[in-house]
Amino acid sequence: MSVTEDTSMVPGDPWLEWDPDLSRSVEGFLYHDAALLDARRFEEWLDLFALDCRYLVPATDRPGGDPLTEMFLVNDDRFLLEERVAGIVKGTAWAESPPSTTHRIVGNVRAASTGDGLVRAEANFLIHRSSSRSILSYPGRYELVLVAGGPAGFVFQVRKATLAMETLRPHGRVSIIL
C-alpha cells in the first residue's frame, strides 16, 4: 500500500490498545532519531526512513489537514527529503546559514501494532533551536507509522510533526527538521 495514495495511513483515528513493551522500543527509536538530528548527522538520519516514506508538517492553522488536498509546511516524499538534507549538509539551505544548534526532548510515547506489520505511534516533542543570537522553542506532537526493521529497529513510513502553535510568529519559518 502506497502512503502517497492512502491518507488513512496517517495516524489520528481511534487508537488500538497501547502496548507498553512496544512503546518502550519505539521510545528508544525516537531517542536515537533525536540524537542523530541534534548531532547534525542528517545522512545517517535518512536511513531511518522507508523508500516510500512521507514526511509531513501541517500548516499551523490546519493541523488535521489532508496532505493530498491542503497546504502543508512540509509534504516530502523520500526524494524531497533527501534534497532537503543535501541542502543543509552542503550549506546551500539559506535558512540554515549559519547552522542552527538544536536540542530535542521526546516524551509521552505510545505505540500499538496494527496487525498488518505496521506500528502506529504518537509522542510529544519540544525542540529548542538556537540560531542568530536567539533561542526559539517548537512544541508539538508526532504521529507515526513505523515498519519494523532497519539498523535502528524501525523505519518511518509516515512521520507527521504537528506544531502546537497557532502561528509561526515570532519564528517566521521552520528551517530545522522537526
N, C-alpha and C. Protein backbone atom coordinates (compact mmCIF):
# COMPACT_ATOMS: atom_id res chain seq x y z
N MET A 1 0.84 -1.18 0.00
CA MET A 1 0.00 0.00 0.00
C MET A 1 0.88 1.24 0.00
N SER A 2 0.68 2.14 -0.90
CA SER A 2 1.48 3.35 -1.00
C SER A 2 0.93 4.42 -0.07
N VAL A 3 1.81 4.99 0.71
CA VAL A 3 1.42 6.05 1.63
C VAL A 3 0.95 7.28 0.87
N THR A 4 1.53 7.52 -0.29
CA THR A 4 1.16 8.70 -1.05
C THR A 4 -0.25 8.61 -1.61
N GLU A 5 -0.79 7.42 -1.70
CA GLU A 5 -2.13 7.25 -2.25
C GLU A 5 -3.18 7.03 -1.18
N ASP A 6 -2.78 6.69 0.04
CA ASP A 6 -3.74 6.34 1.08
C ASP A 6 -3.47 7.18 2.32
N THR A 7 -4.22 8.25 2.50
CA THR A 7 -4.00 9.11 3.65
C THR A 7 -4.51 8.49 4.93
N SER A 8 -5.19 7.36 4.89
CA SER A 8 -5.62 6.71 6.12
C SER A 8 -4.41 6.15 6.88
N MET A 9 -3.26 6.08 6.22
CA MET A 9 -2.06 5.62 6.90
C MET A 9 -1.56 6.67 7.88
N VAL A 10 -2.00 7.91 7.75
CA VAL A 10 -1.60 8.93 8.69
C VAL A 10 -2.38 8.73 9.97
N PRO A 11 -1.68 8.59 11.10
CA PRO A 11 -2.39 8.35 12.35
C PRO A 11 -3.37 9.47 12.67
N GLY A 12 -4.23 9.23 13.61
CA GLY A 12 -5.18 10.23 14.02
C GLY A 12 -6.55 9.63 14.29
N ASP A 13 -6.81 8.44 13.79
CA ASP A 13 -8.07 7.77 14.06
C ASP A 13 -7.99 7.11 15.43
N PRO A 14 -9.07 6.56 15.95
CA PRO A 14 -9.02 5.93 17.27
C PRO A 14 -7.92 4.87 17.33
N TRP A 15 -7.21 4.86 18.45
CA TRP A 15 -6.05 4.00 18.59
C TRP A 15 -6.42 2.61 19.08
N LEU A 16 -5.56 1.70 18.73
CA LEU A 16 -5.65 0.35 19.24
C LEU A 16 -5.17 0.36 20.69
N GLU A 17 -5.27 -0.75 21.35
CA GLU A 17 -4.77 -0.85 22.72
C GLU A 17 -3.25 -0.64 22.71
N TRP A 18 -2.76 0.22 23.58
CA TRP A 18 -1.34 0.52 23.63
C TRP A 18 -0.57 -0.66 24.18
N ASP A 19 0.59 -0.88 23.63
CA ASP A 19 1.47 -1.97 24.05
C ASP A 19 2.66 -1.35 24.77
N PRO A 20 2.77 -1.54 26.10
CA PRO A 20 3.85 -0.90 26.86
C PRO A 20 5.25 -1.30 26.39
N ASP A 21 5.45 -2.59 26.06
CA ASP A 21 6.77 -3.02 25.61
C ASP A 21 7.12 -2.42 24.25
N LEU A 22 6.15 -2.43 23.35
CA LEU A 22 6.36 -1.82 22.04
C LEU A 22 6.58 -0.32 22.18
N SER A 23 5.86 0.31 23.08
CA SER A 23 6.03 1.75 23.31
C SER A 23 7.46 2.06 23.76
N ARG A 24 8.03 1.23 24.62
CA ARG A 24 9.41 1.44 25.07
C ARG A 24 10.39 1.26 23.91
N SER A 25 10.14 0.29 23.05
CA SER A 25 11.01 0.10 21.88
C SER A 25 10.95 1.31 20.95
N VAL A 26 9.75 1.81 20.71
CA VAL A 26 9.59 2.99 19.86
C VAL A 26 10.22 4.20 20.52
N GLU A 27 10.09 4.31 21.83
CA GLU A 27 10.71 5.42 22.56
C GLU A 27 12.23 5.42 22.33
N GLY A 28 12.87 4.25 22.42
CA GLY A 28 14.29 4.16 22.15
C GLY A 28 14.64 4.58 20.73
N PHE A 29 13.81 4.18 19.79
CA PHE A 29 14.00 4.56 18.38
C PHE A 29 13.91 6.09 18.23
N LEU A 30 12.93 6.70 18.88
CA LEU A 30 12.76 8.16 18.79
C LEU A 30 13.89 8.91 19.49
N TYR A 31 14.44 8.33 20.56
CA TYR A 31 15.62 8.94 21.19
C TYR A 31 16.81 8.91 20.23
N HIS A 32 16.96 7.81 19.53
CA HIS A 32 18.04 7.69 18.53
C HIS A 32 17.83 8.70 17.41
N ASP A 33 16.61 8.82 16.93
CA ASP A 33 16.24 9.79 15.91
C ASP A 33 16.62 11.21 16.36
N ALA A 34 16.24 11.57 17.59
CA ALA A 34 16.54 12.90 18.12
C ALA A 34 18.04 13.13 18.25
N ALA A 35 18.77 12.11 18.70
CA ALA A 35 20.22 12.25 18.87
C ALA A 35 20.90 12.49 17.52
N LEU A 36 20.47 11.78 16.49
CA LEU A 36 21.06 12.00 15.16
C LEU A 36 20.80 13.41 14.67
N LEU A 37 19.58 13.90 14.85
CA LEU A 37 19.26 15.25 14.39
C LEU A 37 20.03 16.31 15.18
N ASP A 38 20.08 16.17 16.51
CA ASP A 38 20.79 17.16 17.31
C ASP A 38 22.29 17.16 17.01
N ALA A 39 22.83 16.01 16.63
CA ALA A 39 24.25 15.91 16.27
C ALA A 39 24.51 16.30 14.81
N ARG A 40 23.44 16.66 14.10
CA ARG A 40 23.52 17.06 12.69
C ARG A 40 24.06 15.92 11.81
N ARG A 41 23.72 14.69 12.17
CA ARG A 41 24.11 13.52 11.39
C ARG A 41 22.96 13.18 10.46
N PHE A 42 22.65 14.10 9.57
CA PHE A 42 21.46 14.04 8.73
C PHE A 42 21.48 12.88 7.74
N GLU A 43 22.64 12.57 7.19
CA GLU A 43 22.70 11.48 6.22
C GLU A 43 22.40 10.14 6.89
N GLU A 44 22.88 9.95 8.12
CA GLU A 44 22.54 8.74 8.88
C GLU A 44 21.05 8.74 9.23
N TRP A 45 20.52 9.93 9.53
CA TRP A 45 19.10 10.08 9.88
C TRP A 45 18.21 9.63 8.72
N LEU A 46 18.64 9.88 7.50
CA LEU A 46 17.85 9.45 6.33
C LEU A 46 17.67 7.94 6.29
N ASP A 47 18.60 7.20 6.87
CA ASP A 47 18.48 5.73 6.91
C ASP A 47 17.31 5.27 7.77
N LEU A 48 16.72 6.17 8.55
CA LEU A 48 15.57 5.84 9.39
C LEU A 48 14.25 5.92 8.62
N PHE A 49 14.31 6.20 7.32
CA PHE A 49 13.10 6.37 6.52
C PHE A 49 12.98 5.28 5.45
N ALA A 50 11.77 4.76 5.30
CA ALA A 50 11.47 3.80 4.23
C ALA A 50 11.57 4.51 2.88
N LEU A 51 11.77 3.75 1.83
CA LEU A 51 11.87 4.34 0.50
C LEU A 51 10.55 4.99 0.06
N ASP A 52 9.41 4.49 0.57
CA ASP A 52 8.11 5.05 0.20
C ASP A 52 7.54 5.95 1.31
N CYS A 53 8.43 6.62 2.03
CA CYS A 53 8.03 7.42 3.19
C CYS A 53 7.32 8.72 2.82
N ARG A 54 6.66 9.27 3.83
CA ARG A 54 6.11 10.63 3.77
C ARG A 54 6.57 11.34 5.03
N TYR A 55 7.04 12.56 4.86
CA TYR A 55 7.46 13.42 5.96
C TYR A 55 6.56 14.65 5.91
N LEU A 56 5.72 14.82 6.93
CA LEU A 56 4.65 15.82 6.89
C LEU A 56 4.74 16.79 8.06
N VAL A 57 4.54 18.07 7.77
CA VAL A 57 4.36 19.10 8.79
C VAL A 57 3.19 19.95 8.32
N PRO A 58 2.00 19.75 8.94
CA PRO A 58 0.83 20.52 8.50
C PRO A 58 0.95 22.00 8.87
N ALA A 59 0.22 22.82 8.15
CA ALA A 59 0.14 24.24 8.47
C ALA A 59 -0.40 24.41 9.89
N THR A 60 0.05 25.45 10.58
CA THR A 60 -0.35 25.63 11.97
C THR A 60 -1.84 25.89 12.12
N ASP A 61 -2.49 26.42 11.11
CA ASP A 61 -3.92 26.70 11.20
C ASP A 61 -4.79 25.53 10.72
N ARG A 62 -4.16 24.46 10.22
CA ARG A 62 -4.89 23.27 9.75
C ARG A 62 -4.16 22.00 10.19
N PRO A 63 -4.01 21.79 11.50
CA PRO A 63 -3.22 20.65 11.97
C PRO A 63 -3.77 19.30 11.55
N GLY A 64 -5.06 19.20 11.29
CA GLY A 64 -5.65 17.93 10.86
C GLY A 64 -5.86 17.86 9.36
N GLY A 65 -5.20 18.74 8.62
CA GLY A 65 -5.40 18.82 7.18
C GLY A 65 -4.99 17.55 6.43
N ASP A 66 -5.53 17.42 5.23
CA ASP A 66 -5.24 16.28 4.36
C ASP A 66 -4.03 16.64 3.48
N PRO A 67 -2.94 15.88 3.57
CA PRO A 67 -1.74 16.22 2.79
C PRO A 67 -1.93 16.13 1.28
N LEU A 68 -2.99 15.49 0.83
CA LEU A 68 -3.23 15.39 -0.61
C LEU A 68 -3.99 16.58 -1.17
N THR A 69 -4.68 17.31 -0.29
CA THR A 69 -5.53 18.39 -0.80
C THR A 69 -5.29 19.74 -0.15
N GLU A 70 -4.50 19.80 0.91
CA GLU A 70 -4.31 21.06 1.62
C GLU A 70 -2.84 21.43 1.71
N MET A 71 -2.62 22.72 1.96
CA MET A 71 -1.27 23.26 2.09
C MET A 71 -0.61 22.75 3.36
N PHE A 72 0.61 22.24 3.23
CA PHE A 72 1.42 21.79 4.36
C PHE A 72 2.72 22.58 4.36
N LEU A 73 3.29 22.81 5.53
CA LEU A 73 4.60 23.45 5.59
C LEU A 73 5.65 22.55 4.96
N VAL A 74 5.51 21.24 5.20
CA VAL A 74 6.39 20.25 4.60
C VAL A 74 5.52 19.06 4.19
N ASN A 75 5.70 18.62 2.96
CA ASN A 75 5.00 17.44 2.44
C ASN A 75 5.97 16.74 1.49
N ASP A 76 6.92 16.03 2.09
CA ASP A 76 8.02 15.44 1.33
C ASP A 76 7.87 13.93 1.17
N ASP A 77 8.26 13.45 0.00
CA ASP A 77 8.49 12.03 -0.20
C ASP A 77 9.99 11.81 0.03
N ARG A 78 10.48 10.63 -0.22
CA ARG A 78 11.88 10.33 0.06
C ARG A 78 12.82 11.22 -0.77
N PHE A 79 12.50 11.42 -2.05
CA PHE A 79 13.35 12.25 -2.90
C PHE A 79 13.46 13.67 -2.35
N LEU A 80 12.34 14.27 -2.01
CA LEU A 80 12.37 15.65 -1.50
C LEU A 80 13.06 15.73 -0.14
N LEU A 81 12.89 14.72 0.69
CA LEU A 81 13.58 14.70 1.98
C LEU A 81 15.09 14.62 1.77
N GLU A 82 15.53 13.80 0.82
CA GLU A 82 16.95 13.72 0.51
C GLU A 82 17.48 15.07 0.01
N GLU A 83 16.70 15.76 -0.82
CA GLU A 83 17.11 17.08 -1.31
C GLU A 83 17.19 18.10 -0.17
N ARG A 84 16.24 18.04 0.76
CA ARG A 84 16.24 18.93 1.92
C ARG A 84 17.51 18.72 2.75
N VAL A 85 17.84 17.46 3.01
CA VAL A 85 19.04 17.13 3.77
C VAL A 85 20.29 17.56 3.01
N ALA A 86 20.35 17.32 1.72
CA ALA A 86 21.52 17.70 0.92
C ALA A 86 21.78 19.20 1.01
N GLY A 87 20.71 20.01 0.99
CA GLY A 87 20.88 21.46 1.10
C GLY A 87 21.46 21.87 2.44
N ILE A 88 21.02 21.22 3.50
CA ILE A 88 21.54 21.53 4.83
C ILE A 88 23.00 21.09 4.94
N VAL A 89 23.30 19.89 4.48
CA VAL A 89 24.65 19.34 4.59
C VAL A 89 25.64 20.16 3.76
N LYS A 90 25.23 20.56 2.55
CA LYS A 90 26.12 21.32 1.66
C LYS A 90 26.20 22.79 2.03
N GLY A 91 25.32 23.25 2.92
CA GLY A 91 25.33 24.65 3.31
C GLY A 91 24.61 25.56 2.33
N THR A 92 23.80 24.98 1.44
CA THR A 92 23.07 25.79 0.46
C THR A 92 21.64 26.11 0.90
N ALA A 93 21.24 25.60 2.06
CA ALA A 93 19.92 25.93 2.61
C ALA A 93 20.06 27.27 3.33
N TRP A 94 19.65 28.35 2.69
CA TRP A 94 19.90 29.69 3.23
C TRP A 94 19.29 29.88 4.61
N ALA A 95 18.19 29.21 4.91
CA ALA A 95 17.55 29.36 6.21
C ALA A 95 18.36 28.71 7.32
N GLU A 96 19.33 27.89 6.97
CA GLU A 96 20.20 27.25 7.96
C GLU A 96 21.64 27.72 7.81
N SER A 97 21.79 28.99 7.47
CA SER A 97 23.12 29.57 7.36
C SER A 97 23.16 30.84 8.20
N PRO A 98 23.85 30.83 9.31
CA PRO A 98 24.66 29.76 9.86
C PRO A 98 23.79 28.63 10.41
N PRO A 99 24.38 27.45 10.56
CA PRO A 99 23.60 26.31 11.04
C PRO A 99 23.05 26.52 12.45
N SER A 100 21.87 26.01 12.68
CA SER A 100 21.24 26.04 14.00
C SER A 100 21.86 24.99 14.90
N THR A 101 21.74 25.23 16.19
CA THR A 101 22.00 24.22 17.19
C THR A 101 20.64 23.84 17.75
N THR A 102 20.38 22.55 17.86
CA THR A 102 19.08 22.11 18.37
C THR A 102 19.24 21.16 19.54
N HIS A 103 18.19 21.11 20.34
CA HIS A 103 18.11 20.19 21.48
C HIS A 103 16.67 19.69 21.52
N ARG A 104 16.49 18.39 21.39
CA ARG A 104 15.15 17.80 21.33
C ARG A 104 14.83 17.04 22.60
N ILE A 105 13.59 17.17 23.02
CA ILE A 105 13.05 16.39 24.13
C ILE A 105 11.84 15.64 23.57
N VAL A 106 11.81 14.34 23.77
CA VAL A 106 10.71 13.50 23.29
C VAL A 106 10.09 12.80 24.49
N GLY A 107 8.76 12.78 24.56
CA GLY A 107 8.11 12.13 25.69
C GLY A 107 6.71 11.67 25.35
N ASN A 108 6.06 11.03 26.34
CA ASN A 108 4.69 10.53 26.20
C ASN A 108 4.53 9.64 24.98
N VAL A 109 5.49 8.75 24.79
CA VAL A 109 5.49 7.85 23.63
C VAL A 109 4.51 6.70 23.88
N ARG A 110 3.64 6.49 22.90
CA ARG A 110 2.70 5.36 22.95
C ARG A 110 2.70 4.70 21.57
N ALA A 111 2.63 3.37 21.58
CA ALA A 111 2.67 2.64 20.32
C ALA A 111 1.77 1.41 20.39
N ALA A 112 1.28 1.03 19.22
CA ALA A 112 0.45 -0.17 19.10
C ALA A 112 0.69 -0.79 17.73
N SER A 113 0.67 -2.10 17.70
CA SER A 113 0.76 -2.82 16.43
C SER A 113 -0.62 -2.79 15.77
N THR A 114 -0.63 -2.60 14.47
CA THR A 114 -1.91 -2.57 13.75
C THR A 114 -2.32 -3.94 13.24
N GLY A 115 -1.45 -4.93 13.42
CA GLY A 115 -1.78 -6.28 12.97
C GLY A 115 -1.44 -6.55 11.52
N ASP A 116 -1.02 -5.53 10.78
CA ASP A 116 -0.66 -5.71 9.37
C ASP A 116 0.83 -5.45 9.14
N GLY A 117 1.62 -5.62 10.20
CA GLY A 117 3.05 -5.41 10.09
C GLY A 117 3.50 -3.99 10.35
N LEU A 118 2.56 -3.11 10.61
CA LEU A 118 2.89 -1.71 10.88
C LEU A 118 2.70 -1.41 12.36
N VAL A 119 3.37 -0.36 12.80
CA VAL A 119 3.23 0.14 14.16
C VAL A 119 2.78 1.59 14.07
N ARG A 120 1.73 1.91 14.80
CA ARG A 120 1.30 3.31 14.91
C ARG A 120 1.80 3.82 16.24
N ALA A 121 2.30 5.04 16.23
CA ALA A 121 2.85 5.62 17.46
C ALA A 121 2.57 7.11 17.49
N GLU A 122 2.60 7.63 18.69
CA GLU A 122 2.49 9.07 18.87
C GLU A 122 3.44 9.46 20.00
N ALA A 123 3.88 10.70 19.99
CA ALA A 123 4.77 11.21 21.02
C ALA A 123 4.70 12.73 21.00
N ASN A 124 5.03 13.33 22.11
CA ASN A 124 5.17 14.78 22.17
C ASN A 124 6.63 15.14 21.97
N PHE A 125 6.87 16.34 21.45
CA PHE A 125 8.24 16.81 21.31
C PHE A 125 8.33 18.28 21.67
N LEU A 126 9.53 18.66 22.08
CA LEU A 126 9.87 20.06 22.29
C LEU A 126 11.28 20.23 21.73
N ILE A 127 11.41 21.12 20.76
CA ILE A 127 12.70 21.36 20.13
C ILE A 127 13.11 22.80 20.43
N HIS A 128 14.30 22.94 20.99
CA HIS A 128 14.87 24.26 21.20
C HIS A 128 15.89 24.48 20.08
N ARG A 129 15.76 25.62 19.42
CA ARG A 129 16.64 25.95 18.30
C ARG A 129 17.37 27.24 18.62
N SER A 130 18.68 27.19 18.55
CA SER A 130 19.50 28.37 18.79
C SER A 130 20.15 28.75 17.46
N SER A 131 19.90 30.00 17.04
CA SER A 131 20.46 30.48 15.79
C SER A 131 20.36 31.99 15.76
N SER A 132 21.37 32.63 15.22
CA SER A 132 21.37 34.09 15.05
C SER A 132 21.03 34.81 16.34
N ARG A 133 21.67 34.40 17.42
CA ARG A 133 21.52 35.04 18.73
C ARG A 133 20.13 34.95 19.34
N SER A 134 19.35 33.98 18.91
CA SER A 134 18.03 33.80 19.51
C SER A 134 17.81 32.31 19.79
N ILE A 135 16.95 32.06 20.77
CA ILE A 135 16.55 30.70 21.10
C ILE A 135 15.05 30.62 20.93
N LEU A 136 14.61 29.72 20.08
CA LEU A 136 13.20 29.53 19.80
C LEU A 136 12.78 28.13 20.20
N SER A 137 11.53 27.97 20.61
CA SER A 137 11.00 26.67 21.00
C SER A 137 9.90 26.26 20.05
N TYR A 138 9.90 24.98 19.70
CA TYR A 138 8.90 24.39 18.81
C TYR A 138 8.26 23.21 19.53
N PRO A 139 7.12 23.39 20.18
CA PRO A 139 6.42 22.26 20.78
C PRO A 139 5.52 21.58 19.75
N GLY A 140 5.28 20.29 19.95
CA GLY A 140 4.38 19.63 19.01
C GLY A 140 4.18 18.17 19.34
N ARG A 141 3.59 17.50 18.37
CA ARG A 141 3.20 16.10 18.54
C ARG A 141 3.56 15.33 17.27
N TYR A 142 4.16 14.17 17.46
CA TYR A 142 4.43 13.26 16.35
C TYR A 142 3.28 12.27 16.23
N GLU A 143 2.90 11.98 15.00
CA GLU A 143 2.02 10.86 14.68
C GLU A 143 2.78 10.06 13.64
N LEU A 144 3.02 8.79 13.95
CA LEU A 144 3.95 8.00 13.16
C LEU A 144 3.36 6.68 12.71
N VAL A 145 3.80 6.26 11.55
CA VAL A 145 3.58 4.89 11.10
C VAL A 145 4.98 4.33 10.86
N LEU A 146 5.28 3.24 11.56
CA LEU A 146 6.61 2.64 11.52
C LEU A 146 6.52 1.23 10.97
N VAL A 147 7.63 0.80 10.39
CA VAL A 147 7.79 -0.58 9.93
C VAL A 147 8.97 -1.14 10.71
N ALA A 148 8.81 -2.34 11.26
CA ALA A 148 9.91 -2.98 11.98
C ALA A 148 11.03 -3.30 11.02
N GLY A 149 12.27 -3.05 11.46
CA GLY A 149 13.44 -3.36 10.65
C GLY A 149 14.41 -2.20 10.63
N GLY A 150 15.43 -2.34 9.84
CA GLY A 150 16.44 -1.30 9.73
C GLY A 150 17.43 -1.37 10.88
N PRO A 151 18.52 -0.63 10.77
CA PRO A 151 19.58 -0.69 11.78
C PRO A 151 19.15 -0.18 13.16
N ALA A 152 18.11 0.64 13.23
CA ALA A 152 17.66 1.21 14.50
C ALA A 152 16.41 0.50 15.04
N GLY A 153 15.98 -0.57 14.38
CA GLY A 153 14.83 -1.33 14.86
C GLY A 153 13.53 -1.03 14.15
N PHE A 154 13.40 0.18 13.64
CA PHE A 154 12.21 0.61 12.89
C PHE A 154 12.65 1.54 11.78
N VAL A 155 11.75 1.77 10.83
CA VAL A 155 11.91 2.85 9.85
C VAL A 155 10.58 3.59 9.77
N PHE A 156 10.68 4.88 9.50
CA PHE A 156 9.48 5.70 9.34
C PHE A 156 8.84 5.43 8.00
N GLN A 157 7.57 5.14 7.99
CA GLN A 157 6.81 5.14 6.74
C GLN A 157 6.08 6.48 6.65
N VAL A 158 5.53 6.93 7.77
CA VAL A 158 4.93 8.26 7.85
C VAL A 158 5.46 8.93 9.11
N ARG A 159 5.97 10.14 8.95
CA ARG A 159 6.40 10.95 10.09
C ARG A 159 5.67 12.28 9.96
N LYS A 160 4.69 12.47 10.81
CA LYS A 160 3.91 13.71 10.81
C LYS A 160 4.23 14.45 12.10
N ALA A 161 4.75 15.67 11.96
CA ALA A 161 5.09 16.52 13.09
C ALA A 161 4.14 17.71 13.08
N THR A 162 3.20 17.71 14.01
CA THR A 162 2.22 18.79 14.10
C THR A 162 2.66 19.76 15.18
N LEU A 163 2.90 20.99 14.79
CA LEU A 163 3.32 22.00 15.76
C LEU A 163 2.14 22.41 16.64
N ALA A 164 2.39 22.57 17.92
CA ALA A 164 1.38 23.02 18.87
C ALA A 164 1.48 24.53 19.01
N MET A 165 1.30 25.21 17.88
CA MET A 165 1.42 26.66 17.80
C MET A 165 0.35 27.15 16.83
N GLU A 166 -0.27 28.25 17.15
CA GLU A 166 -1.28 28.80 16.24
C GLU A 166 -0.66 29.55 15.08
N THR A 167 0.56 29.99 15.25
CA THR A 167 1.25 30.75 14.22
C THR A 167 2.75 30.50 14.35
N LEU A 168 3.50 30.76 13.31
CA LEU A 168 4.94 30.62 13.38
C LEU A 168 5.62 31.87 13.94
N ARG A 169 4.88 32.90 14.22
CA ARG A 169 5.46 34.11 14.81
C ARG A 169 5.82 33.85 16.25
N PRO A 170 6.91 34.29 16.78
CA PRO A 170 7.93 35.13 16.15
C PRO A 170 8.94 34.33 15.33
N HIS A 171 8.75 33.04 15.20
CA HIS A 171 9.70 32.19 14.49
C HIS A 171 9.81 32.55 13.02
N GLY A 172 8.68 32.75 12.37
CA GLY A 172 8.65 33.14 10.98
C GLY A 172 8.83 32.02 9.98
N ARG A 173 9.52 30.96 10.37
CA ARG A 173 9.76 29.86 9.43
C ARG A 173 10.16 28.61 10.21
N VAL A 174 10.05 27.50 9.53
CA VAL A 174 10.54 26.23 10.07
C VAL A 174 11.72 25.84 9.19
N SER A 175 12.91 26.11 9.66
CA SER A 175 14.09 25.81 8.84
C SER A 175 14.82 24.58 9.35
N ILE A 176 14.39 24.06 10.49
CA ILE A 176 15.02 22.87 11.04
C ILE A 176 14.16 21.66 10.73
N ILE A 177 14.74 20.51 10.84
CA ILE A 177 13.97 19.29 10.63
C ILE A 177 13.30 18.95 11.94
N LEU A 178 11.97 18.85 11.89
CA LEU A 178 11.21 18.52 13.08
C LEU A 178 11.16 17.03 13.25
